[in-house]
C-alpha atoms as a PDB file:
ATOM      1  CA  MET A   1     -29.018  16.958  17.070  1.00  0.00           C
ATOM      2  CA  PHE A   2     -25.718  17.049  15.273  1.00  0.00           C
ATOM      3  CA  PRO A   3     -25.817  16.275  11.546  1.00  0.00           C
ATOM      4  CA  THR A   4     -24.375  12.929  10.510  1.00  0.00           C
ATOM      5  CA  VAL A   5     -21.229  13.319   8.453  1.00  0.00           C
ATOM      6  CA  PRO A   6     -20.872  10.503   5.917  1.00  0.00           C
ATOM      7  CA  PRO A   7     -17.466   8.790   5.750  1.00  0.00           C
ATOM      8  CA  PRO A   8     -15.215   9.625   2.789  1.00  0.00           C
ATOM      9  CA  ALA A   9     -16.104   7.603  -0.292  1.00  0.00           C
ATOM     10  CA  GLN A  10     -12.444   6.846  -1.011  1.00  0.00           C
ATOM     11  CA  ARG A  11      -9.935   5.158   1.250  1.00  0.00           C
ATOM     12  CA  LEU A  12      -6.174   4.809   0.764  1.00  0.00           C
ATOM     13  CA  LEU A  13      -4.746   1.869   2.695  1.00  0.00           C
ATOM     14  CA  VAL A  14      -1.017   1.968   3.438  1.00  0.00           C
ATOM     15  CA  PHE A  15       0.344  -1.456   4.389  1.00  0.00           C
ATOM     16  CA  ALA A  16       3.361  -0.881   6.624  1.00  0.00           C
ATOM     17  CA  ARG A  17       5.446  -2.251   9.468  1.00  0.00           C
ATOM     18  CA  LEU A  18       6.589  -0.575  12.623  1.00  0.00           C
ATOM     19  CA  PRO A  19      10.306   0.216  12.278  1.00  0.00           C
ATOM     20  CA  GLU A  20      11.999  -2.643  14.169  1.00  0.00           C
ATOM     21  CA  MET A  21      15.532  -3.971  13.928  1.00  0.00           C
ATOM     22  CA  GLY A  22      15.678  -7.193  11.932  1.00  0.00           C
ATOM     23  CA  ARG A  23      12.008  -7.080  10.893  1.00  0.00           C
ATOM     24  CA  VAL A  24      12.013  -4.583   8.032  1.00  0.00           C
ATOM     25  CA  LYS A  25      13.621  -4.632   4.557  1.00  0.00           C
ATOM     26  CA  THR A  26      15.209  -8.041   5.133  1.00  0.00           C
ATOM     27  CA  ARG A  27      16.377  -8.364   1.526  1.00  0.00           C
ATOM     28  CA  LEU A  28      18.109  -5.006   1.816  1.00  0.00           C
ATOM     29  CA  ALA A  29      19.573  -6.021   5.183  1.00  0.00           C
ATOM     30  CA  ALA A  30      21.375  -8.921   3.515  1.00  0.00           C
ATOM     31  CA  SER A  31      23.592  -6.311   1.838  1.00  0.00           C
ATOM     32  CA  ILE A  32      23.726  -3.361   4.242  1.00  0.00           C
ATOM     33  CA  GLY A  33      23.006  -4.999   7.602  1.00  0.00           C
ATOM     34  CA  ASP A  34      20.061  -4.738   9.984  1.00  0.00           C
ATOM     35  CA  GLU A  35      20.940  -1.257  11.226  1.00  0.00           C
ATOM     36  CA  GLY A  36      21.310   0.105   7.716  1.00  0.00           C
ATOM     37  CA  ALA A  37      18.057  -1.540   6.612  1.00  0.00           C
ATOM     38  CA  LEU A  38      16.210  -0.109   9.610  1.00  0.00           C
ATOM     39  CA  ALA A  39      17.506   3.396   8.870  1.00  0.00           C
ATOM     40  CA  ALA A  40      16.547   2.982   5.221  1.00  0.00           C
ATOM     41  CA  TYR A  41      13.038   1.830   6.127  1.00  0.00           C
ATOM     42  CA  GLU A  42      12.536   4.728   8.533  1.00  0.00           C
ATOM     43  CA  THR A  43      13.557   7.114   5.748  1.00  0.00           C
ATOM     44  CA  MET A  44      11.273   5.392   3.228  1.00  0.00           C
ATOM     45  CA  LEU A  45       8.314   5.493   5.600  1.00  0.00           C
ATOM     46  CA  ARG A  46       8.868   9.154   6.401  1.00  0.00           C
ATOM     47  CA  ASP A  47       9.248  10.044   2.726  1.00  0.00           C
ATOM     48  CA  LEU A  48       6.144   8.100   1.714  1.00  0.00           C
ATOM     49  CA  LEU A  49       3.914   9.657   4.368  1.00  0.00           C
ATOM     50  CA  ALA A  50       5.132  13.098   3.303  1.00  0.00           C
ATOM     51  CA  SER A  51       4.575  12.280  -0.362  1.00  0.00           C
ATOM     52  CA  ILE A  52       0.996  11.020  -0.035  1.00  0.00           C
ATOM     53  CA  GLY A  53      -0.085  14.081   1.920  1.00  0.00           C
ATOM     54  CA  ASP A  54      -3.066  14.486   4.211  1.00  0.00           C
ATOM     55  CA  VAL A  55      -6.582  13.141   4.402  1.00  0.00           C
ATOM     56  CA  SER A  56      -9.269  15.125   2.605  1.00  0.00           C
ATOM     57  CA  ALA A  57     -13.033  15.347   2.498  1.00  0.00           C
ATOM     58  CA  GLU A  58     -12.976  12.839  -0.370  1.00  0.00           C
ATOM     59  CA  THR A  59     -10.178  10.511   0.711  1.00  0.00           C
ATOM     60  CA  GLU A  60      -9.447   8.859   4.034  1.00  0.00           C
ATOM     61  CA  ILE A  61      -5.913   7.547   4.622  1.00  0.00           C
ATOM     62  CA  GLU A  62      -5.415   4.599   6.956  1.00  0.00           C
ATOM     63  CA  ILE A  63      -2.184   2.876   7.971  1.00  0.00           C
ATOM     64  CA  LEU A  64      -2.514  -0.892   8.354  1.00  0.00           C
ATOM     65  CA  TRP A  65       0.406  -2.145  10.443  1.00  0.00           C
ATOM     66  CA  ALA A  66       1.678  -5.695  10.584  1.00  0.00           C
ATOM     67  CA  PRO A  67       1.159  -7.402  13.972  1.00  0.00           C
ATOM     68  CA  THR A  68       4.073  -7.066  16.394  1.00  0.00           C
ATOM     69  CA  GLU A  69       4.420  -7.325  20.146  1.00  0.00           C
ATOM     70  CA  SER A  70       6.148  -3.939  20.335  1.00  0.00           C
ATOM     71  CA  ALA A  71       3.078  -2.083  19.067  1.00  0.00           C
ATOM     72  CA  ASP A  72       1.520   0.411  21.454  1.00  0.00           C
ATOM     73  CA  GLY A  73       0.009   3.846  21.103  1.00  0.00           C
ATOM     74  CA  ALA A  74       3.311   5.653  21.500  1.00  0.00           C
ATOM     75  CA  ALA A  75       5.106   3.467  18.952  1.00  0.00           C
ATOM     76  CA  LEU A  76       2.312   3.850  16.408  1.00  0.00           C
ATOM     77  CA  THR A  77       2.289   7.623  16.819  1.00  0.00           C
ATOM     78  CA  ARG A  78       6.083   7.833  16.447  1.00  0.00           C
ATOM     79  CA  ALA A  79       5.962   5.798  13.251  1.00  0.00           C
ATOM     80  CA  PHE A  80       2.752   6.998  11.615  1.00  0.00           C
ATOM     81  CA  GLY A  81       1.966  10.379  13.136  1.00  0.00           C
ATOM     82  CA  ASP A  82      -1.685  11.345  13.284  1.00  0.00           C
ATOM     83  CA  PHE A  83      -2.929   9.001  10.563  1.00  0.00           C
ATOM     84  CA  PRO A  84      -5.670   6.557  11.600  1.00  0.00           C
ATOM     85  CA  THR A  85      -4.218   3.088  12.141  1.00  0.00           C
ATOM     86  CA  ALA A  86      -5.459  -0.490  12.316  1.00  0.00           C
ATOM     87  CA  MET A  87      -3.718  -3.830  12.718  1.00  0.00           C
ATOM     88  CA  GLN A  88      -3.567  -6.098   9.705  1.00  0.00           C
ATOM     89  CA  THR A  89      -5.547  -9.304  10.168  1.00  0.00           C
ATOM     90  CA  GLY A  90      -4.914 -12.614   8.427  1.00  0.00           C
ATOM     91  CA  ALA A  91      -2.122 -15.167   8.315  1.00  0.00           C
ATOM     92  CA  THR A  92      -0.851 -14.388   4.809  1.00  0.00           C
ATOM     93  CA  LEU A  93      -0.556 -11.281   2.640  1.00  0.00           C
ATOM     94  CA  SER A  94      -3.388 -12.643   0.508  1.00  0.00           C
ATOM     95  CA  GLU A  95      -5.647 -12.873   3.547  1.00  0.00           C
ATOM     96  CA  ARG A  96      -4.587  -9.487   4.887  1.00  0.00           C
ATOM     97  CA  LEU A  97      -5.352  -7.726   1.627  1.00  0.00           C
ATOM     98  CA  SER A  98      -8.677  -9.523   1.190  1.00  0.00           C
ATOM     99  CA  MET A  99      -9.828  -8.832   4.733  1.00  0.00           C
ATOM    100  CA  ALA A 100      -8.765  -5.185   4.591  1.00  0.00           C
ATOM    101  CA  PHE A 101     -10.740  -4.569   1.404  1.00  0.00           C
ATOM    102  CA  SER A 102     -13.751  -6.631   2.485  1.00  0.00           C
ATOM    103  CA  GLU A 103     -14.129  -5.023   5.899  1.00  0.00           C
ATOM    104  CA  ARG A 104     -13.942  -1.475   4.590  1.00  0.00           C
ATOM    105  CA  PHE A 105     -16.294  -2.080   1.696  1.00  0.00           C
ATOM    106  CA  PHE A 106     -18.911  -3.851   3.783  1.00  0.00           C
ATOM    107  CA  PHE A 107     -18.619  -2.193   7.205  1.00  0.00           C
ATOM    108  CA  HIS A 108     -17.412   1.320   6.383  1.00  0.00           C
ATOM    109  CA  ALA A 109     -19.466   1.938   3.231  1.00  0.00           C
ATOM    110  CA  THR A 110     -16.306   2.814   1.329  1.00  0.00           C
ATOM    111  CA  GLN A 111     -16.898   3.061  -2.415  1.00  0.00           C
ATOM    112  CA  LYS A 112     -13.318   2.955  -3.712  1.00  0.00           C
ATOM    113  CA  ILE A 113     -10.189   1.515  -2.091  1.00  0.00           C
ATOM    114  CA  ILE A 114      -6.563   1.754  -3.142  1.00  0.00           C
ATOM    115  CA  ALA A 115      -3.781  -0.132  -1.360  1.00  0.00           C
ATOM    116  CA  ILE A 116      -0.075   0.670  -1.419  1.00  0.00           C
ATOM    117  CA  GLY A 117       3.012  -0.343   0.525  1.00  0.00           C
ATOM    118  CA  VAL A 118       6.154   1.486   1.599  1.00  0.00           C
ATOM    119  CA  ASP A 119       8.453   0.125  -1.119  1.00  0.00           C
ATOM    120  CA  ASP A 120       7.812   3.081  -3.462  1.00  0.00           C
ATOM    121  CA  PRO A 121       8.535   5.953  -1.049  1.00  0.00           C
ATOM    122  CA  SER A 122       8.300   8.723  -3.654  1.00  0.00           C
ATOM    123  CA  LEU A 123       4.838   7.709  -4.873  1.00  0.00           C
ATOM    124  CA  PRO A 124       3.118  11.068  -5.479  1.00  0.00           C
ATOM    125  CA  ARG A 125      -0.346  11.945  -4.205  1.00  0.00           C
ATOM    126  CA  ALA A 126      -1.244  13.182  -7.694  1.00  0.00           C
ATOM    127  CA  LEU A 127      -0.814   9.659  -9.086  1.00  0.00           C
ATOM    128  CA  ILE A 128      -2.937   8.227  -6.284  1.00  0.00           C
ATOM    129  CA  ASP A 129      -5.655  10.795  -6.981  1.00  0.00           C
ATOM    130  CA  ASP A 130      -5.477   9.888 -10.676  1.00  0.00           C
ATOM    131  CA  ALA A 131      -5.915   6.230  -9.757  1.00  0.00           C
ATOM    132  CA  PHE A 132      -9.024   7.023  -7.719  1.00  0.00           C
ATOM    133  CA  ALA A 133     -10.399   9.034 -10.640  1.00  0.00           C
ATOM    134  CA  LEU A 134      -9.818   6.117 -13.008  1.00  0.00           C
ATOM    135  CA  LEU A 135     -12.062   3.990 -10.800  1.00  0.00           C
ATOM    136  CA  ASP A 136     -14.977   6.151 -11.945  1.00  0.00           C
ATOM    137  CA  SER A 137     -14.727   4.458 -15.344  1.00  0.00           C
ATOM    138  CA  CYS A 138     -12.875   1.197 -14.548  1.00  0.00           C
ATOM    139  CA  GLU A 139     -13.495  -1.493 -11.956  1.00  0.00           C
ATOM    140  CA  TRP A 140      -9.826  -2.050 -11.071  1.00  0.00           C
ATOM    141  CA  VAL A 141      -6.647  -0.006 -11.224  1.00  0.00           C
ATOM    142  CA  ILE A 142      -3.118  -1.345 -10.881  1.00  0.00           C
ATOM    143  CA  GLY A 143       0.368   0.145 -10.965  1.00  0.00           C
ATOM    144  CA  PRO A 144       3.028  -2.261 -12.277  1.00  0.00           C
ATOM    145  CA  ALA A 145       6.537  -2.275 -10.858  1.00  0.00           C
ATOM    146  CA  GLU A 146       9.721  -2.915 -12.827  1.00  0.00           C
ATOM    147  CA  ASP A 147      10.375  -6.133 -10.872  1.00  0.00           C
ATOM    148  CA  GLY A 148       7.126  -7.761 -12.002  1.00  0.00           C
ATOM    149  CA  GLY A 149       5.113  -6.842  -8.924  1.00  0.00           C
ATOM    150  CA  TYR A 150       2.849  -3.865  -8.406  1.00  0.00           C
ATOM    151  CA  TYR A 151       3.111  -0.746  -6.270  1.00  0.00           C
ATOM    152  CA  LEU A 152      -0.625   0.042  -6.151  1.00  0.00           C
ATOM    153  CA  ILE A 153      -3.894  -1.802  -6.561  1.00  0.00           C
ATOM    154  CA  GLY A 154      -7.451  -0.627  -6.133  1.00  0.00           C
ATOM    155  CA  CYS A 155     -11.041  -1.305  -7.057  1.00  0.00           C
ATOM    156  CA  ARG A 156     -14.633  -0.189  -6.720  1.00  0.00           C
ATOM    157  CA  ALA A 157     -16.832  -1.803  -4.091  1.00  0.00           C
ATOM    158  CA  ALA A 158     -19.125  -3.582  -6.535  1.00  0.00           C
ATOM    159  CA  ALA A 159     -16.184  -5.138  -8.386  1.00  0.00           C
ATOM    160  CA  PHE A 160     -14.274  -6.557  -5.429  1.00  0.00           C
ATOM    161  CA  ASP A 161     -13.585 -10.291  -5.429  1.00  0.00           C
ATOM    162  CA  PRO A 162     -11.099 -11.791  -2.929  1.00  0.00           C
ATOM    163  CA  MET A 163      -9.872 -14.272  -5.522  1.00  0.00           C
ATOM    164  CA  ILE A 164      -7.767 -11.437  -6.944  1.00  0.00           C
ATOM    165  CA  PHE A 165      -5.393 -11.895  -4.005  1.00  0.00           C
ATOM    166  CA  GLU A 166      -5.484 -15.699  -3.816  1.00  0.00           C
ATOM    167  CA  ASP A 167      -2.727 -18.015  -5.063  1.00  0.00           C
ATOM    168  CA  VAL A 168      -0.299 -15.191  -5.823  1.00  0.00           C
ATOM    169  CA  ALA A 169       3.426 -15.916  -5.478  1.00  0.00           C
ATOM    170  CA  TRP A 170       4.193 -12.735  -3.540  1.00  0.00           C
ATOM    171  CA  GLY A 171       7.698 -11.343  -3.893  1.00  0.00           C
ATOM    172  CA  THR A 172       8.236 -12.884  -7.330  1.00  0.00           C
ATOM    173  CA  SER A 173       8.302 -11.452 -10.840  1.00  0.00           C
ATOM    174  CA  SER A 174       4.922 -13.041 -11.651  1.00  0.00           C
ATOM    175  CA  VAL A 175       2.740 -10.998  -9.277  1.00  0.00           C
ATOM    176  CA  PHE A 176       1.567  -8.390 -11.773  1.00  0.00           C
ATOM    177  CA  ALA A 177       0.948 -10.896 -14.573  1.00  0.00           C
ATOM    178  CA  THR A 178      -0.920 -13.264 -12.255  1.00  0.00           C
ATOM    179  CA  THR A 179      -3.096 -10.464 -10.917  1.00  0.00           C
ATOM    180  CA  MET A 180      -3.894  -9.126 -14.380  1.00  0.00           C
ATOM    181  CA  GLY A 181      -4.862 -12.643 -15.427  1.00  0.00           C
ATOM    182  CA  LYS A 182      -7.301 -12.867 -12.536  1.00  0.00           C
ATOM    183  CA  ILE A 183      -8.868  -9.511 -13.401  1.00  0.00           C
ATOM    184  CA  VAL A 184      -9.326 -10.686 -16.997  1.00  0.00           C
ATOM    185  CA  GLU A 185     -10.804 -13.947 -15.715  1.00  0.00           C
ATOM    186  CA  LEU A 186     -13.396 -11.940 -13.795  1.00  0.00           C
ATOM    187  CA  GLN A 187     -14.170 -10.038 -17.006  1.00  0.00           C
ATOM    188  CA  SER A 188     -13.521  -6.812 -15.117  1.00  0.00           C
ATOM    189  CA  SER A 189     -12.247  -3.584 -16.640  1.00  0.00           C
ATOM    190  CA  VAL A 190      -8.837  -2.381 -15.491  1.00  0.00           C
ATOM    191  CA  ALA A 191      -6.709   0.744 -15.857  1.00  0.00           C
ATOM    192  CA  VAL A 192      -2.925   0.271 -15.812  1.00  0.00           C
ATOM    193  CA  LEU A 193      -0.803   3.092 -14.380  1.00  0.00           C
ATOM    194  CA  PRO A 194       2.753   4.002 -15.453  1.00  0.00           C
ATOM    195  CA  VAL A 195       5.503   1.562 -14.483  1.00  0.00           C
ATOM    196  CA  ARG A 196       7.465   2.543 -11.362  1.00  0.00           C
ATOM    197  CA  TRP A 197      10.096   0.790  -9.269  1.00  0.00           C
ATOM    198  CA  ASP A 198      10.353  -0.509  -5.705  1.00  0.00           C
ATOM    199  CA  VAL A 199      13.189  -0.281  -3.203  1.00  0.00           C
ATOM    200  CA  ASP A 200      13.952  -3.911  -2.307  1.00  0.00           C
ATOM    201  CA  VAL A 201      17.699  -4.514  -2.558  1.00  0.00           C
ATOM    202  CA  ALA A 202      20.899  -2.491  -2.205  1.00  0.00           C
ATOM    203  CA  GLU A 203      20.953  -1.406  -5.855  1.00  0.00           C
ATOM    204  CA  ASP A 204      17.419  -0.031  -5.497  1.00  0.00           C
ATOM    205  CA  TRP A 205      18.333   1.895  -2.364  1.00  0.00           C
ATOM    206  CA  GLU A 206      21.408   3.380  -4.036  1.00  0.00           C
ATOM    207  CA  ARG A 207      19.255   4.376  -7.003  1.00  0.00           C
ATOM    208  CA  TYR A 208      16.740   6.034  -4.687  1.00  0.00           C
ATOM    209  CA  VAL A 209      19.327   7.959  -2.698  1.00  0.00           C
ATOM    210  CA  SER A 210      21.276   8.972  -5.825  1.00  0.00           C
ATOM    211  CA  ARG A 211      18.183  10.698  -7.194  1.00  0.00           C
ATOM    212  CA  GLY A 212      18.219  13.021  -4.229  1.00  0.00           C
ATOM    213  CA  VAL A 213      14.694  12.073  -3.218  1.00  0.00           C
ATOM    214  CA  SER A 214      15.750  11.047   0.270  1.00  0.00           C
ATOM    215  CA  GLN A 215      17.675  13.290   2.623  1.00  0.00           C
END
């Protein structure tokens, strides 16, 4: 018999979209057009996947892609390479986050989960690893963004409560504050990471490119 290999205790979930004209970076597209926004998103996705690095014995990395009719094996491989992928489920971002965490905690025996998006394409693996380490002593970890949102959120299995993602005005400057309030309401411990910034509008993209991060 072959020995059973336990799944990694940590899982990084990357919430992403397939690169499609008119369906990515819509706020950015308002300034630079659909073609420019698509090219920017493709660059951001490529940079992020390079920045977060590879799976390890301790940490699984999984790409959760938003439902789209154009998704097939070839398209997923072109966009996300060899990373494991799964389709997001749920009608709203709140539902999609809650279901992603719940399913992996309860069906995959994951002990710690961190979720990120593509809006911070230079997010370093070292910071993600630090966030996982913080979950050894805290129940939640969150990375605030300059615009009032967050670029990373994670928790331990025993601490998870879907109410953290409920009734959040996504895309507004109140996301971080609302989420922190919910964590306090649960009387959970939380570690707050350094403030970073997202690429959402033309000024953000210019800032990103000017720093020479993207080629």
